[in-house]
Amino acid sequence: HLGRALSEAPELEPSIRRMQGLLEANELGPARSELSSLEAAVARAELSEPAARGAERGLTELGDALGPDAYWRGRAWRKIAVIAAGPLTNLLFAFAALAAVFMLGVPVDTTRAVESVLAGSPAHAIGLRAGDEIVALNGVAVAPDHISETIRASRGRQLRLTVLRDGRRVALRPARAVRRDGALRLGFALAAKDRSYGFVESLGLASDQVWEVTKGIGSSLAGLVSGENRKDVASAVGIVQGSSQAVEAGFTAYLSVLALISLSLALLNLLPLLPLDGGHIVFSLIEGLRGRGLGREVYERVSIVGLALVLFLFAIGLSNDIGRLSGG
C-alpha cells in the first residue's frame, strides 16, 4: 500500500526502511514508535489522492498489527484457539454431514437385483439387464452376499448366470470375469437396501465413522513415509473426479464424499508442519513455554521445509491421478 506513496515522495524511504528493519528484527516496541514518525512523514508529503488512500490503508493495517489487540500479542491459548477454528469447522461439518447421511439412509444389505450393467463388459455381452435377479451361478443357488465373492474367486473360469426375469428363469451364456480395479469382475452392480437411522443413533455412527477415517488417514500417512501407500494418494484432480462420480451416484453419496474431504482437510491441516495450522499451533505452544516469540527467520526456514513436503505430497497425488486418467 505504501509503494505508490514512496514513488511519489522519495523522502519517505528512510522512515519506511527503518520500519521494515524493525519488523524483520521483531523489534515491535520500537516499531510502534516509528509508526508515529512514518504517519507524520506521510502527512507532510504531497501525495496524489490514490497514493494518499493507499498509504492510509497501509498505515491502518500496520497500526492494527502493532496494536494491543493484535494476534501476535495474544496469549498462546488465544492464538491456538484462533488457528484451530478452521480445522475444527471442517471437523464439525464432516461430523454433521455423516450424521445426515445416516439419517437419510445408507445401503446396508445387498440384494439379488441387478442395478446397472457396464457397457462393453462381459455381463453386457451375455445379455444381463438391469432389473434381473441373479438366482444361481453355474447352476448352484447363491446368496446375495456371495455373488461378488464367487466371481472374484473364479480365476478366469467360465461362469454361467441364471437370472429371474419377468417371473421366468433365464440361463445366460457363459462368460469369463475380467480384471478391473484390481479384482475379477463381470461388470454389473447389485442393488442394495437402504436403512435410515434415528438422530441419536446417527450421531453415534457418525462418531464411529470419523474415528475410523482418522485411523485410516493416520495409517496412510505412515505408509506414505515407508513408500507403501504412495499409489493411493490423490491430488485435487482425483478429488474432483471422485466428487463428479459421487454426484452421479446420488445426494447421499455426494454428501459422504464432501464429509470425507472435509475431514481429510482438517486432519492434514493439523499436521505439525508450517505453513499448515498444525505447525502454527506447535510454534504457539513453544512460544508460550518460552515466554517470548520466535524470530521471523525461524518461521521462514521451517516454513520452507514444510512447504516442500506439502508440494512433494501434491506432486505424488498429481502423478497418480495422471496415471489413472491415462489408464496406467
C-alpha atoms as a PDB file:
ATOM      1  CA  HIS A   1       0.000   0.000   0.000  1.00  0.00           C
ATOM      2  CA  LEU A   2       2.938   2.368   0.578  1.00  0.00           C
ATOM      3  CA  GLY A   3       4.623   1.623  -2.752  1.00  0.00           C
ATOM      4  CA  ARG A   4       2.825   4.346  -4.707  1.00  0.00           C
ATOM      5  CA  ALA A   5       3.391   6.891  -1.937  1.00  0.00           C
ATOM      6  CA  LEU A   6       7.105   6.043  -1.942  1.00  0.00           C
ATOM      7  CA  SER A   7       7.333   6.524  -5.707  1.00  0.00           C
ATOM      8  CA  GLU A   8       5.714   9.984  -5.410  1.00  0.00           C
ATOM      9  CA  ALA A   9       7.588  11.029  -2.258  1.00  0.00           C
ATOM     10  CA  PRO A  10      11.116   9.520  -2.135  1.00  0.00           C
ATOM     11  CA  GLU A  11      11.727  11.314   1.189  1.00  0.00           C
ATOM     12  CA  LEU A  12       9.575   8.626   2.843  1.00  0.00           C
ATOM     13  CA  GLU A  13      12.169   5.942   2.089  1.00  0.00           C
ATOM     14  CA  PRO A  14      14.323   6.344   5.258  1.00  0.00           C
ATOM     15  CA  SER A  15      11.327   6.002   7.569  1.00  0.00           C
ATOM     16  CA  ILE A  16       9.908   3.067   5.602  1.00  0.00           C
ATOM     17  CA  ARG A  17      13.307   1.325   5.608  1.00  0.00           C
ATOM     18  CA  ARG A  18      13.627   1.790   9.372  1.00  0.00           C
ATOM     19  CA  MET A  19      10.147   0.345   9.896  1.00  0.00           C
ATOM     20  CA  GLN A  20      10.949  -2.616   7.655  1.00  0.00           C
ATOM     21  CA  GLY A  21      14.171  -3.319   9.539  1.00  0.00           C
ATOM     22  CA  LEU A  22      12.441  -3.166  12.934  1.00  0.00           C
ATOM     23  CA  LEU A  23       9.716  -5.566  11.805  1.00  0.00           C
ATOM     24  CA  GLU A  24      12.235  -8.031  10.356  1.00  0.00           C
ATOM     25  CA  ALA A  25      14.193  -7.916  13.626  1.00  0.00           C
ATOM     26  CA  ASN A  26      10.967  -8.469  15.590  1.00  0.00           C
ATOM     27  CA  GLU A  27      11.587  -5.168  17.446  1.00  0.00           C
ATOM     28  CA  LEU A  28       7.902  -4.446  17.850  1.00  0.00           C
ATOM     29  CA  GLY A  29       8.146  -1.831  20.605  1.00  0.00           C
ATOM     30  CA  PRO A  30      10.439   0.478  18.605  1.00  0.00           C
ATOM     31  CA  ALA A  31       8.302  -0.270  15.532  1.00  0.00           C
ATOM     32  CA  ARG A  32       5.254   1.226  17.263  1.00  0.00           C
ATOM     33  CA  SER A  33       7.262   4.375  17.991  1.00  0.00           C
ATOM     34  CA  GLU A  34       8.491   4.521  14.410  1.00  0.00           C
ATOM     35  CA  LEU A  35       4.906   4.247  13.186  1.00  0.00           C
ATOM     36  CA  SER A  36       4.136   7.703  14.574  1.00  0.00           C
ATOM     37  CA  SER A  37       7.123   9.152  12.692  1.00  0.00           C
ATOM     38  CA  LEU A  38       6.047   7.427   9.490  1.00  0.00           C
ATOM     39  CA  GLU A  39       2.480   8.729   9.839  1.00  0.00           C
ATOM     40  CA  ALA A  40       3.802  12.272  10.295  1.00  0.00           C
ATOM     41  CA  ALA A  41       6.089  11.915   7.263  1.00  0.00           C
ATOM     42  CA  VAL A  42       3.196  10.708   5.097  1.00  0.00           C
ATOM     43  CA  ALA A  43       1.033  13.610   6.297  1.00  0.00           C
ATOM     44  CA  ARG A  44       3.736  16.094   5.256  1.00  0.00           C
ATOM     45  CA  ALA A  45       4.267  14.535   1.832  1.00  0.00           C
ATOM     46  CA  GLU A  46       2.438  15.922  -1.177  1.00  0.00           C
ATOM     47  CA  LEU A  47       0.662  12.850  -2.494  1.00  0.00           C
ATOM     48  CA  SER A  48      -1.979  12.278  -5.133  1.00  0.00           C
ATOM     49  CA  GLU A  49      -5.367  11.108  -3.917  1.00  0.00           C
ATOM     50  CA  PRO A  50      -4.824   7.422  -4.913  1.00  0.00           C
ATOM     51  CA  ALA A  51      -1.384   7.366  -3.263  1.00  0.00           C
ATOM     52  CA  ALA A  52      -2.761   9.024  -0.122  1.00  0.00           C
ATOM     53  CA  ARG A  53      -5.599   6.462   0.121  1.00  0.00           C
ATOM     54  CA  GLY A  54      -3.160   3.581  -0.337  1.00  0.00           C
ATOM     55  CA  ALA A  55      -0.809   4.988   2.295  1.00  0.00           C
ATOM     56  CA  GLU A  56      -3.710   5.446   4.715  1.00  0.00           C
ATOM     57  CA  ARG A  57      -4.772   1.826   4.281  1.00  0.00           C
ATOM     58  CA  GLY A  58      -1.215   0.627   4.753  1.00  0.00           C
ATOM     59  CA  LEU A  59      -0.707   2.663   7.930  1.00  0.00           C
ATOM     60  CA  THR A  60      -4.064   1.493   9.322  1.00  0.00           C
ATOM     61  CA  GLU A  61      -3.183  -2.165   8.747  1.00  0.00           C
ATOM     62  CA  LEU A  62       0.260  -1.629  10.233  1.00  0.00           C
ATOM     63  CA  GLY A  63      -1.265   0.069  13.268  1.00  0.00           C
ATOM     64  CA  ASP A  64      -3.712  -2.808  13.749  1.00  0.00           C
ATOM     65  CA  ALA A  65      -0.864  -5.316  13.535  1.00  0.00           C
ATOM     66  CA  LEU A  66       1.120  -3.416  16.164  1.00  0.00           C
ATOM     67  CA  GLY A  67      -1.874  -2.603  18.392  1.00  0.00           C
ATOM     68  CA  PRO A  68      -2.733  -4.112  21.802  1.00  0.00           C
ATOM     69  CA  ASP A  69      -5.348  -6.451  20.282  1.00  0.00           C
ATOM     70  CA  ALA A  70      -3.059  -7.775  17.553  1.00  0.00           C
ATOM     71  CA  TYR A  71      -2.910 -11.539  17.058  1.00  0.00           C
ATOM     72  CA  TRP A  72       0.800 -11.829  17.858  1.00  0.00           C
ATOM     73  CA  ARG A  73       0.281 -10.108  21.245  1.00  0.00           C
ATOM     74  CA  GLY A  74      -2.283 -12.656  22.424  1.00  0.00           C
ATOM     75  CA  ARG A  75      -1.580 -15.470  24.859  1.00  0.00           C
ATOM     76  CA  ALA A  76      -0.626 -18.869  23.473  1.00  0.00           C
ATOM     77  CA  TRP A  77      -4.076 -20.371  24.175  1.00  0.00           C
ATOM     78  CA  ARG A  78      -5.746 -17.483  22.353  1.00  0.00           C
ATOM     79  CA  LYS A  79      -3.535 -17.960  19.296  1.00  0.00           C
ATOM     80  CA  ILE A  80      -4.204 -21.692  19.302  1.00  0.00           C
ATOM     81  CA  ALA A  81      -7.959 -21.094  19.540  1.00  0.00           C
ATOM     82  CA  VAL A  82      -7.849 -18.785  16.515  1.00  0.00           C
ATOM     83  CA  ILE A  83      -5.696 -21.181  14.483  1.00  0.00           C
ATOM     84  CA  ALA A  84      -7.716 -24.279  15.388  1.00  0.00           C
ATOM     85  CA  ALA A  85     -11.014 -22.665  14.353  1.00  0.00           C
ATOM     86  CA  GLY A  86     -10.506 -23.632  10.691  1.00  0.00           C
ATOM     87  CA  PRO A  87      -9.775 -27.362  11.178  1.00  0.00           C
ATOM     88  CA  LEU A  88     -12.470 -27.546  13.860  1.00  0.00           C
ATOM     89  CA  THR A  89     -15.029 -26.152  11.409  1.00  0.00           C
ATOM     90  CA  ASN A  90     -14.032 -28.799   8.853  1.00  0.00           C
ATOM     91  CA  LEU A  91     -14.307 -31.494  11.514  1.00  0.00           C
ATOM     92  CA  LEU A  92     -17.757 -30.354  12.667  1.00  0.00           C
ATOM     93  CA  PHE A  93     -19.017 -30.169   9.087  1.00  0.00           C
ATOM     94  CA  ALA A  94     -17.775 -33.710   8.407  1.00  0.00           C
ATOM     95  CA  PHE A  95     -19.463 -34.992  11.564  1.00  0.00           C
ATOM     96  CA  ALA A  96     -22.766 -33.240  10.784  1.00  0.00           C
ATOM     97  CA  ALA A  97     -22.716 -34.385   7.147  1.00  0.00           C
ATOM     98  CA  LEU A  98     -22.066 -38.021   8.097  1.00  0.00           C
ATOM     99  CA  ALA A  99     -24.853 -37.902  10.686  1.00  0.00           C
ATOM    100  CA  ALA A 100     -27.183 -36.540   7.986  1.00  0.00           C
ATOM    101  CA  VAL A 101     -26.157 -39.373   5.648  1.00  0.00           C
ATOM    102  CA  PHE A 102     -27.080 -41.987   8.258  1.00  0.00           C
ATOM    103  CA  MET A 103     -30.419 -40.275   8.896  1.00  0.00           C
ATOM    104  CA  LEU A 104     -31.197 -40.088   5.161  1.00  0.00           C
ATOM    105  CA  GLY A 105     -30.313 -43.748   4.695  1.00  0.00           C
ATOM    106  CA  VAL A 106     -27.282 -45.841   3.757  1.00  0.00           C
ATOM    107  CA  PRO A 107     -27.081 -49.122   1.811  1.00  0.00           C
ATOM    108  CA  VAL A 108     -26.736 -51.994   4.286  1.00  0.00           C
ATOM    109  CA  ASP A 109     -27.974 -55.208   2.612  1.00  0.00           C
ATOM    110  CA  THR A 110     -27.084 -56.365  -0.898  1.00  0.00           C
ATOM    111  CA  THR A 111     -29.947 -57.839  -2.932  1.00  0.00           C
ATOM    112  CA  ARG A 112     -30.022 -60.229  -5.891  1.00  0.00           C
ATOM    113  CA  ALA A 113     -31.369 -57.499  -8.180  1.00  0.00           C
ATOM    114  CA  VAL A 114     -29.025 -56.060 -10.807  1.00  0.00           C
ATOM    115  CA  GLU A 115     -28.974 -52.269 -10.528  1.00  0.00           C
ATOM    116  CA  SER A 116     -26.757 -51.468 -13.525  1.00  0.00           C
ATOM    117  CA  VAL A 117     -24.658 -53.164 -16.206  1.00  0.00           C
ATOM    118  CA  LEU A 118     -21.429 -51.653 -17.514  1.00  0.00           C
ATOM    119  CA  ALA A 119     -21.427 -51.144 -21.276  1.00  0.00           C
ATOM    120  CA  GLY A 120     -18.843 -53.311 -23.031  1.00  0.00           C
ATOM    121  CA  SER A 121     -18.429 -55.622 -20.040  1.00  0.00           C
ATOM    122  CA  PRO A 122     -18.776 -59.437 -20.074  1.00  0.00           C
ATOM    123  CA  ALA A 123     -22.138 -59.057 -18.297  1.00  0.00           C
ATOM    124  CA  HIS A 124     -23.342 -56.741 -21.067  1.00  0.00           C
ATOM    125  CA  ALA A 125     -22.115 -59.164 -23.736  1.00  0.00           C
ATOM    126  CA  ILE A 126     -24.151 -62.095 -22.366  1.00  0.00           C
ATOM    127  CA  GLY A 127     -27.328 -60.018 -22.126  1.00  0.00           C
ATOM    128  CA  LEU A 128     -27.584 -59.323 -18.403  1.00  0.00           C
ATOM    129  CA  ARG A 129     -30.047 -56.474 -17.803  1.00  0.00           C
ATOM    130  CA  ALA A 130     -30.820 -54.054 -15.019  1.00  0.00           C
ATOM    131  CA  GLY A 131     -33.733 -55.495 -13.054  1.00  0.00           C
ATOM    132  CA  ASP A 132     -32.652 -59.120 -13.470  1.00  0.00           C
ATOM    133  CA  GLU A 133     -32.387 -61.124 -10.244  1.00  0.00           C
ATOM    134  CA  ILE A 134     -29.405 -63.477 -10.042  1.00  0.00           C
ATOM    135  CA  VAL A 135     -30.584 -66.756  -8.549  1.00  0.00           C
ATOM    136  CA  ALA A 136     -27.703 -69.122  -9.394  1.00  0.00           C
ATOM    137  CA  LEU A 137     -24.078 -69.272 -10.549  1.00  0.00           C
ATOM    138  CA  ASN A 138     -23.044 -72.374 -12.523  1.00  0.00           C
ATOM    139  CA  GLY A 139     -26.325 -73.977 -11.561  1.00  0.00           C
ATOM    140  CA  VAL A 140     -25.785 -73.518  -7.818  1.00  0.00           C
ATOM    141  CA  ALA A 141     -28.035 -71.238  -5.777  1.00  0.00           C
ATOM    142  CA  VAL A 142     -26.027 -68.391  -4.299  1.00  0.00           C
ATOM    143  CA  ALA A 143     -26.762 -65.885  -1.533  1.00  0.00           C
ATOM    144  CA  PRO A 144     -26.662 -62.178  -2.475  1.00  0.00           C
ATOM    145  CA  ASP A 145     -23.625 -61.570  -0.266  1.00  0.00           C
ATOM    146  CA  HIS A 146     -21.657 -64.334  -2.025  1.00  0.00           C
ATOM    147  CA  ILE A 147     -22.264 -63.340  -5.661  1.00  0.00           C
ATOM    148  CA  SER A 148     -19.343 -60.915  -5.927  1.00  0.00           C
ATOM    149  CA  GLU A 149     -17.154 -63.210  -3.829  1.00  0.00           C
ATOM    150  CA  THR A 150     -17.798 -66.157  -6.163  1.00  0.00           C
ATOM    151  CA  ILE A 151     -16.990 -64.065  -9.241  1.00  0.00           C
ATOM    152  CA  ARG A 152     -13.728 -62.796  -7.731  1.00  0.00           C
ATOM    153  CA  ALA A 153     -12.709 -66.378  -6.884  1.00  0.00           C
ATOM    154  CA  SER A 154     -13.440 -67.715 -10.398  1.00  0.00           C
ATOM    155  CA  ARG A 155      -9.794 -67.304 -11.544  1.00  0.00           C
ATOM    156  CA  GLY A 156     -10.777 -66.930 -15.182  1.00  0.00           C
ATOM    157  CA  ARG A 157     -13.091 -69.948 -15.309  1.00  0.00           C
ATOM    158  CA  GLN A 158     -16.357 -69.575 -17.194  1.00  0.00           C
ATOM    159  CA  LEU A 159     -19.381 -68.515 -15.181  1.00  0.00           C
ATOM    160  CA  ARG A 160     -22.984 -69.221 -16.137  1.00  0.00           C
ATOM    161  CA  LEU A 161     -25.563 -66.913 -14.578  1.00  0.00           C
ATOM    162  CA  THR A 162     -29.172 -67.917 -14.070  1.00  0.00           C
ATOM    163  CA  VAL A 163     -31.498 -64.963 -13.561  1.00  0.00           C
ATOM    164  CA  LEU A 164     -35.149 -64.353 -12.800  1.00  0.00           C
ATOM    165  CA  ARG A 165     -36.563 -62.057 -15.499  1.00  0.00           C
ATOM    166  CA  ASP A 166     -40.241 -61.100 -15.684  1.00  0.00           C
ATOM    167  CA  GLY A 167     -41.085 -64.076 -13.475  1.00  0.00           C
ATOM    168  CA  ARG A 168     -39.183 -66.598 -15.635  1.00  0.00           C
ATOM    169  CA  ARG A 169     -35.828 -68.275 -15.015  1.00  0.00           C
ATOM    170  CA  VAL A 170     -33.358 -67.477 -17.805  1.00  0.00           C
ATOM    171  CA  ALA A 171     -29.954 -69.158 -18.210  1.00  0.00           C
ATOM    172  CA  LEU A 172     -27.459 -66.754 -19.783  1.00  0.00           C
ATOM    173  CA  ARG A 173     -24.459 -67.696 -21.915  1.00  0.00           C
ATOM    174  CA  PRO A 174     -21.195 -68.444 -20.060  1.00  0.00           C
ATOM    175  CA  ALA A 175     -18.795 -65.565 -19.503  1.00  0.00           C
ATOM    176  CA  ARG A 176     -15.354 -65.065 -18.020  1.00  0.00           C
ATOM    177  CA  ALA A 177     -14.711 -62.327 -15.485  1.00  0.00           C
ATOM    178  CA  VAL A 178     -12.080 -59.738 -16.401  1.00  0.00           C
ATOM    179  CA  ARG A 179      -9.718 -57.944 -14.074  1.00  0.00           C
ATOM    180  CA  ARG A 180     -10.825 -54.391 -13.315  1.00  0.00           C
ATOM    181  CA  ASP A 181      -9.646 -52.142 -10.464  1.00  0.00           C
ATOM    182  CA  GLY A 182      -7.556 -54.975  -9.062  1.00  0.00           C
ATOM    183  CA  ALA A 183     -10.299 -57.644  -8.950  1.00  0.00           C
ATOM    184  CA  LEU A 184     -12.107 -60.054 -11.274  1.00  0.00           C
ATOM    185  CA  ARG A 185     -15.494 -58.635 -12.299  1.00  0.00           C
ATOM    186  CA  LEU A 186     -18.270 -59.315 -14.792  1.00  0.00           C
ATOM    187  CA  GLY A 187     -19.259 -55.654 -14.943  1.00  0.00           C
ATOM    188  CA  PHE A 188     -22.541 -55.224 -13.096  1.00  0.00           C
ATOM    189  CA  ALA A 189     -23.681 -53.719  -9.807  1.00  0.00           C
ATOM    190  CA  LEU A 190     -26.211 -55.201  -7.425  1.00  0.00           C
ATOM    191  CA  ALA A 191     -28.891 -53.055  -5.818  1.00  0.00           C
ATOM    192  CA  ALA A 192     -28.783 -52.566  -2.063  1.00  0.00           C
ATOM    193  CA  LYS A 193     -31.445 -51.904   0.541  1.00  0.00           C
ATOM    194  CA  ASP A 194     -31.156 -48.573   2.321  1.00  0.00           C
ATOM    195  CA  ARG A 195     -31.612 -48.196   6.048  1.00  0.00           C
ATOM    196  CA  SER A 196     -32.303 -44.929   7.875  1.00  0.00           C
ATOM    197  CA  TYR A 197     -31.267 -44.333  11.484  1.00  0.00           C
ATOM    198  CA  GLY A 198     -32.629 -42.099  14.232  1.00  0.00           C
ATOM    199  CA  PHE A 199     -30.994 -38.857  15.313  1.00  0.00           C
ATOM    200  CA  VAL A 200     -29.136 -40.174  18.366  1.00  0.00           C
ATOM    201  CA  GLU A 201     -28.047 -43.387  16.635  1.00  0.00           C
ATOM    202  CA  SER A 202     -26.830 -41.373  13.638  1.00  0.00           C
ATOM    203  CA  LEU A 203     -24.641 -39.242  15.909  1.00  0.00           C
ATOM    204  CA  GLY A 204     -23.032 -42.377  17.320  1.00  0.00           C
ATOM    205  CA  LEU A 205     -22.485 -43.887  13.878  1.00  0.00           C
ATOM    206  CA  ALA A 206     -21.030 -40.600  12.606  1.00  0.00           C
ATOM    207  CA  SER A 207     -18.605 -40.551  15.556  1.00  0.00           C
ATOM    208  CA  ASP A 208     -17.521 -44.107  14.751  1.00  0.00           C
ATOM    209  CA  GLN A 209     -17.036 -43.204  11.100  1.00  0.00           C
ATOM    210  CA  VAL A 210     -14.960 -40.120  11.950  1.00  0.00           C
ATOM    211  CA  TRP A 211     -12.744 -42.232  14.199  1.00  0.00           C
ATOM    212  CA  GLU A 212     -12.307 -44.971  11.581  1.00  0.00           C
ATOM    213  CA  VAL A 213     -11.400 -42.447   8.879  1.00  0.00           C
ATOM    214  CA  THR A 214      -8.972 -40.730  11.256  1.00  0.00           C
ATOM    215  CA  LYS A 215      -7.230 -44.041  11.932  1.00  0.00           C
ATOM    216  CA  GLY A 216      -7.193 -44.799   8.217  1.00  0.00           C
ATOM    217  CA  ILE A 217      -5.593 -41.470   7.339  1.00  0.00           C
ATOM    218  CA  GLY A 218      -3.016 -41.982  10.082  1.00  0.00           C
ATOM    219  CA  SER A 219      -2.144 -45.414   8.688  1.00  0.00           C
ATOM    220  CA  SER A 220      -1.983 -43.997   5.159  1.00  0.00           C
ATOM    221  CA  LEU A 221       0.426 -41.257   6.219  1.00  0.00           C
ATOM    222  CA  ALA A 222       2.603 -43.812   7.977  1.00  0.00           C
ATOM    223  CA  GLY A 223       2.556 -45.960   4.851  1.00  0.00           C
ATOM    224  CA  LEU A 224       3.360 -42.924   2.730  1.00  0.00           C
ATOM    225  CA  VAL A 225       6.567 -42.378   4.687  1.00  0.00           C
ATOM    226  CA  SER A 226       7.584 -46.002   4.123  1.00  0.00           C
ATOM    227  CA  GLY A 227       6.508 -45.858   0.474  1.00  0.00           C
ATOM    228  CA  GLU A 228       3.758 -48.481   0.818  1.00  0.00           C
ATOM    229  CA  ASN A 229       0.726 -46.271   0.100  1.00  0.00           C
ATOM    230  CA  ARG A 230       2.077 -43.744  -2.385  1.00  0.00           C
ATOM    231  CA  LYS A 231      -0.107 -45.079  -5.200  1.00  0.00           C
ATOM    232  CA  ASP A 232      -3.229 -44.323  -3.129  1.00  0.00           C
ATOM    233  CA  VAL A 233      -2.526 -40.578  -2.813  1.00  0.00           C
ATOM    234  CA  ALA A 234      -4.774 -38.296  -4.887  1.00  0.00           C
ATOM    235  CA  SER A 235      -4.492 -34.606  -5.759  1.00  0.00           C
ATOM    236  CA  ALA A 236      -7.235 -32.078  -6.449  1.00  0.00           C
ATOM    237  CA  VAL A 237      -7.705 -33.723  -9.865  1.00  0.00           C
ATOM    238  CA  GLY A 238      -8.605 -37.066  -8.283  1.00  0.00           C
ATOM    239  CA  ILE A 239     -10.832 -35.382  -5.709  1.00  0.00           C
ATOM    240  CA  VAL A 240     -12.825 -33.581  -8.424  1.00  0.00           C
ATOM    241  CA  GLN A 241     -13.141 -36.802 -10.407  1.00  0.00           C
ATOM    242  CA  GLY A 242     -14.353 -38.710  -7.348  1.00  0.00           C
ATOM    243  CA  SER A 243     -16.800 -35.933  -6.482  1.00  0.00           C
ATOM    244  CA  SER A 244     -18.239 -35.982 -10.009  1.00  0.00           C
ATOM    245  CA  GLN A 245     -18.792 -39.728  -9.787  1.00  0.00           C
ATOM    246  CA  ALA A 246     -20.442 -39.278  -6.384  1.00  0.00           C
ATOM    247  CA  VAL A 247     -22.842 -36.672  -7.805  1.00  0.00           C
ATOM    248  CA  GLU A 248     -23.971 -39.238 -10.380  1.00  0.00           C
ATOM    249  CA  ALA A 249     -24.467 -41.819  -7.595  1.00  0.00           C
ATOM    250  CA  GLY A 250     -26.891 -39.591  -5.678  1.00  0.00           C
ATOM    251  CA  PHE A 251     -27.107 -36.922  -2.995  1.00  0.00           C
ATOM    252  CA  THR A 252     -26.127 -39.090  -0.022  1.00  0.00           C
ATOM    253  CA  ALA A 253     -23.060 -40.425  -1.850  1.00  0.00           C
ATOM    254  CA  TYR A 254     -22.035 -36.860  -2.714  1.00  0.00           C
ATOM    255  CA  LEU A 255     -22.597 -35.731   0.877  1.00  0.00           C
ATOM    256  CA  SER A 256     -20.450 -38.632   2.091  1.00  0.00           C
ATOM    257  CA  VAL A 257     -17.620 -37.597  -0.228  1.00  0.00           C
ATOM    258  CA  LEU A 258     -17.865 -33.977   0.948  1.00  0.00           C
ATOM    259  CA  ALA A 259     -17.704 -35.165   4.565  1.00  0.00           C
ATOM    260  CA  LEU A 260     -14.621 -37.298   3.919  1.00  0.00           C
ATOM    261  CA  ILE A 261     -12.888 -34.469   2.028  1.00  0.00           C
ATOM    262  CA  SER A 262     -13.652 -32.026   4.850  1.00  0.00           C
ATOM    263  CA  LEU A 263     -12.399 -34.482   7.479  1.00  0.00           C
ATOM    264  CA  SER A 264      -9.246 -35.187   5.477  1.00  0.00           C
ATOM    265  CA  LEU A 265      -8.538 -31.463   5.140  1.00  0.00           C
ATOM    266  CA  ALA A 266      -8.995 -30.977   8.888  1.00  0.00           C
ATOM    267  CA  LEU A 267      -6.620 -33.807   9.782  1.00  0.00           C
ATOM    268  CA  LEU A 268      -3.975 -32.947   7.188  1.00  0.00           C
ATOM    269  CA  ASN A 269      -4.113 -29.282   8.173  1.00  0.00           C
ATOM    270  CA  LEU A 270      -3.315 -30.294  11.761  1.00  0.00           C
ATOM    271  CA  LEU A 271      -0.007 -31.901  10.768  1.00  0.00           C
ATOM    272  CA  PRO A 272       2.801 -30.171  12.720  1.00  0.00           C
ATOM    273  CA  LEU A 273       4.271 -28.533   9.631  1.00  0.00           C
ATOM    274  CA  LEU A 274       4.449 -24.873   8.737  1.00  0.00           C
ATOM    275  CA  PRO A 275       2.658 -23.270   6.962  1.00  0.00           C
ATOM    276  CA  LEU A 276      -0.164 -25.651   7.992  1.00  0.00           C
ATOM    277  CA  ASP A 277      -2.310 -24.807  11.027  1.00  0.00           C
ATOM    278  CA  GLY A 278      -0.779 -27.679  12.981  1.00  0.00           C
ATOM    279  CA  GLY A 279       2.644 -26.104  12.589  1.00  0.00           C
ATOM    280  CA  HIS A 280       1.379 -22.739  13.838  1.00  0.00           C
ATOM    281  CA  ILE A 281      -0.195 -24.461  16.851  1.00  0.00           C
ATOM    282  CA  VAL A 282       3.113 -26.161  17.706  1.00  0.00           C
ATOM    283  CA  PHE A 283       5.006 -22.872  17.383  1.00  0.00           C
ATOM    284  CA  SER A 284       2.436 -21.091  19.548  1.00  0.00           C
ATOM    285  CA  LEU A 285       2.937 -23.749  22.231  1.00  0.00           C
ATOM    286  CA  ILE A 286       6.708 -23.325  22.026  1.00  0.00           C
ATOM    287  CA  GLU A 287       6.397 -19.547  22.308  1.00  0.00           C
ATOM    288  CA  GLY A 288       4.050 -19.947  25.272  1.00  0.00           C
ATOM    289  CA  LEU A 289       6.561 -22.178  27.061  1.00  0.00           C
ATOM    290  CA  ARG A 290       9.472 -19.848  26.249  1.00  0.00           C
ATOM    291  CA  GLY A 291       7.572 -16.747  27.274  1.00  0.00           C
ATOM    292  CA  ARG A 292       8.642 -14.894  24.142  1.00  0.00           C
ATOM    293  CA  GLY A 293       8.196 -15.112  20.410  1.00  0.00           C
ATOM    294  CA  LEU A 294      10.419 -16.884  17.934  1.00  0.00           C
ATOM    295  CA  GLY A 295      12.314 -14.908  15.335  1.00  0.00           C
ATOM    296  CA  ARG A 296      10.959 -14.416  11.852  1.00  0.00           C
ATOM    297  CA  GLU A 297      13.911 -16.307  10.355  1.00  0.00           C
ATOM    298  CA  VAL A 298      12.950 -19.441  12.300  1.00  0.00           C
ATOM    299  CA  TYR A 299       9.420 -19.308  10.898  1.00  0.00           C
ATOM    300  CA  GLU A 300      10.695 -18.780   7.365  1.00  0.00           C
ATOM    301  CA  ARG A 301      13.203 -21.647   7.458  1.00  0.00           C
ATOM    302  CA  VAL A 302      10.754 -24.135   8.941  1.00  0.00           C
ATOM    303  CA  SER A 303       8.041 -22.977   6.522  1.00  0.00           C
ATOM    304  CA  ILE A 304      10.312 -23.737   3.568  1.00  0.00           C
ATOM    305  CA  VAL A 305      10.739 -27.331   4.757  1.00  0.00           C
ATOM    306  CA  GLY A 306       7.009 -27.755   5.438  1.00  0.00           C
ATOM    307  CA  LEU A 307       6.021 -26.227   2.107  1.00  0.00           C
ATOM    308  CA  ALA A 308       8.448 -28.535   0.303  1.00  0.00           C
ATOM    309  CA  LEU A 309       6.857 -31.575   1.963  1.00  0.00           C
ATOM    310  CA  VAL A 310       3.338 -30.379   1.084  1.00  0.00           C
ATOM    311  CA  LEU A 311       4.350 -29.793  -2.550  1.00  0.00           C
ATOM    312  CA  PHE A 312       6.003 -33.229  -2.629  1.00  0.00           C
ATOM    313  CA  LEU A 313       2.753 -34.806  -1.432  1.00  0.00           C
ATOM    314  CA  PHE A 314       0.787 -32.875  -4.065  1.00  0.00           C
ATOM    315  CA  ALA A 315       3.234 -33.971  -6.779  1.00  0.00           C
ATOM    316  CA  ILE A 316       2.772 -37.632  -5.808  1.00  0.00           C
ATOM    317  CA  GLY A 317      -1.014 -37.268  -5.912  1.00  0.00           C
ATOM    318  CA  LEU A 318      -0.960 -35.468  -9.267  1.00  0.00           C
ATOM    319  CA  SER A 319       1.325 -38.129 -10.746  1.00  0.00           C
ATOM    320  CA  ASN A 320      -1.033 -40.868  -9.540  1.00  0.00           C
ATOM    321  CA  ASP A 321      -4.073 -39.051 -10.964  1.00  0.00           C
ATOM    322  CA  ILE A 322      -2.411 -38.607 -14.358  1.00  0.00           C
ATOM    323  CA  GLY A 323      -1.553 -42.308 -14.384  1.00  0.00           C
ATOM    324  CA  ARG A 324      -5.131 -43.270 -13.516  1.00  0.00           C
ATOM    325  CA  LEU A 325      -6.648 -40.932 -16.113  1.00  0.00           C
ATOM    326  CA  SER A 326      -4.294 -42.221 -18.823  1.00  0.00           C
ATOM    327  CA  GLY A 327      -5.087 -45.808 -17.923  1.00  0.00           C
ATOM    328  CA  GLY A 328      -1.647 -46.539 -16.462  1.00  0.00           C
END
